[in-house]
Protein backbone atom coordinates (compact mmCIF):
# COMPACT_ATOMS: atom_id res chain seq x y z
CA MET A 1 -0.09 0.00 0.18
CA LYS A 2 2.74 2.25 0.92
CA ASN A 3 4.31 1.73 -2.50
CA LYS A 4 1.68 2.47 -4.45
CA PHE A 5 1.24 5.93 -2.34
CA ASN A 6 4.53 6.68 -3.15
CA LEU A 7 3.85 6.12 -6.91
CA THR A 8 0.75 8.18 -6.88
CA ALA A 9 2.63 11.07 -5.39
CA SER A 10 5.58 10.85 -7.63
CA ILE A 11 3.31 11.10 -10.42
CA PHE A 12 1.55 13.99 -9.02
CA GLN A 13 4.83 15.91 -8.34
CA ILE A 14 5.94 15.31 -12.12
CA ILE A 15 2.29 16.70 -13.25
CA PHE A 16 2.71 19.63 -11.21
CA GLY A 17 6.11 20.41 -11.66
CA VAL A 18 5.75 20.41 -15.71
CA LEU A 19 2.39 22.42 -15.47
CA ALA A 20 4.60 25.18 -13.28
CA ILE A 21 7.47 24.86 -15.80
CA LEU A 22 4.56 25.52 -18.77
CA SER A 23 3.06 28.22 -16.64
CA TYR A 24 6.56 30.03 -16.24
CA ILE A 25 6.88 29.53 -20.56
CA VAL A 26 3.44 31.42 -21.25
CA LEU A 27 4.48 33.95 -18.38
CA ALA A 28 7.67 34.47 -20.11
CA SER A 29 6.19 34.69 -23.24
CA SER A 30 3.95 37.62 -22.61
CA GLY A 31 6.12 39.86 -21.30
CA GLU A 32 6.32 39.11 -17.38
CA ASN A 33 9.31 40.40 -15.37
CA MET A 34 10.52 36.79 -15.01
CA ILE A 35 13.35 37.47 -12.12
CA LYS A 36 10.90 36.96 -9.48
CA TRP A 37 9.52 33.99 -10.93
CA THR A 38 12.94 32.11 -11.10
CA VAL A 39 12.85 30.74 -7.73
CA THR A 40 9.62 29.07 -8.57
CA LEU A 41 11.14 27.50 -11.98
CA ILE A 42 13.87 26.40 -9.87
CA LEU A 43 11.42 24.32 -7.22
CA SER A 44 9.08 23.09 -10.39
CA ILE A 45 12.13 21.53 -11.81
CA ALA A 46 13.13 20.23 -8.40
CA PHE A 47 9.60 18.70 -8.49
CA VAL A 48 9.98 16.90 -11.60
CA VAL A 49 13.32 15.59 -10.71
CA LEU A 50 12.01 14.05 -7.47
CA GLY A 51 8.90 12.96 -9.01
CA ILE A 52 11.34 10.61 -11.60
CA ILE A 53 13.30 9.69 -8.91
CA GLY A 54 10.47 8.41 -7.24
CA ILE A 55 9.47 6.60 -9.95
CA LEU A 56 12.60 5.08 -10.60
CA ASP A 57 12.66 3.98 -6.77
CA TYR A 58 9.30 2.56 -7.22
CA LYS A 59 10.24 0.57 -10.21
CA SER A 60 13.68 -0.98 -8.61
CA ASN A 61 11.70 -2.35 -5.58
CA LYS A 62 9.02 -4.08 -7.50
């Protein structure tokens, strides 16, 4: 049960991380000042990386 929860959490991390990266790109293309959003981009990239690591751990424990 715990493993399936970790897999679900990792999938949500990837989804929300990718959505945040896409939002950053949309804001950048609309001419927004992106300096204040750089930390958000870094955190969203970290979310995607942690999600991928979580899925790889789930597959290796299977």
